[in-house]
Amino acid sequence: MNDMIENERFSPGMKLAILLMAFGIGYILGGIVTLLVATAYLHQPLQALAANPKLIEENGSLARILQVVGTLFMFGLPAFVFAYITRKEKALSALGFTRAISIKQVFYTLLIIAAALWVSEGLTLVNQWIPIPAGNAYYFKQLEDNYTKQAIALLDLKDISGYLISLFIIALLPAILEELIFRACLQKVLYGLSKHAFLSIFLTSIVFSAIHMSYYEFLPRFFLGMVLGYMFHYSNNIWLNIGFHLVNNALTITLMYIAIQSGKTMQQAIDSSGITGNIPDWAVLLGSAVLLAVIYFLTGLFKRESEHVLAVHTRNNDTSGNETTGSDSINLL
């Protein structure tokens, strides 16, 4: 298993404090910059925006710009600042940007993605069936409606150019930056504190799912976070996580784009963006149970291949001083 604890000058507790500080600074700066961008774009004072937030919500182009800016400051900036402070010259390596990757790892990742997408839809059903008090249900429904409104404001699926922009904003950018902050930073820090892989991945997955502010999608996002967490723990390669995350997001947007082009409304497209379609709930749940076992098996294969890749990578670095891998490896840098 890949050991994610490294000999560094900062203790795990100090690294957690640095990460939280970097996140807090990024969050504050992101809020300030987005406000400045919004006022400049709309030619409106801050007071007008505070009095009428719909000025932003109703402007799709501005909403997309602010989404990019906010994501960069909230996730990207803290991840790179944290890596630079704690590792400096090895910052990119600490974030998992490495050439230690093989064709087999990519193949297993694709299989795991296919199975995990189905299981996540089964967990969505389970999440919706969990009984909750009426007051909480109303609150969670409001959160879900707000999330849907934000998604509609960000997405532009009327033509191919809008589709490509949506892929960048909703699929690619979050895939890169969320994996950096959650898996490459938070998960590693928690592993250093706990010395326990499951606990660090479990806690990171809870935070990862909770930050999306969606109760009815909490379980599927938590599950996907667990899968992504183990993938990074075994491989220490952020490229594989980014690929997994990107495919998950891009598939949803693509299905929505196809629905829009077939004449459906945006709300109908969102409601029909799942891969299981009109398959009965019992079949989705049965398939999810079977595919959970498949994912467990595939993860074992992924783990063994990752151990082999890392061993070859380490051996080649020791002998040549260059980042090379075995003959079945590919260079993604």
Foldseek 3Di string as FASTA:
>chain_A
DDDLDDDWPDALVVLVVLLVVQLVVLQVVLVVVLLVLVCVVVVHDSVVCVVPVVVQLVQLVSLLVSLLSSLCSNFVRSLQVSLCVTPNVCSCLLLQAAQLFFPLLLVLLVLLLVLLLLLLVLVLVVLVPDDDDPVVVVVLVVLVVVLLSSLVSHQDLPDDVSLVSCLVSFFQSCLQRVCSSLQSRQLSSVCSVPVDQVVSQQVSLQVQLVVSSHSSSSVSSSVLSSLLNLLCSLQVHSVSSSVSRRVSRSQLSVQLSVVVVVPDDSVVSNVQSGPCGPDDSVVSNVSSVVSVVVSVVSSVVSNVVSVQSVVQQVVCCVVPVDRDTDPRTDGPD
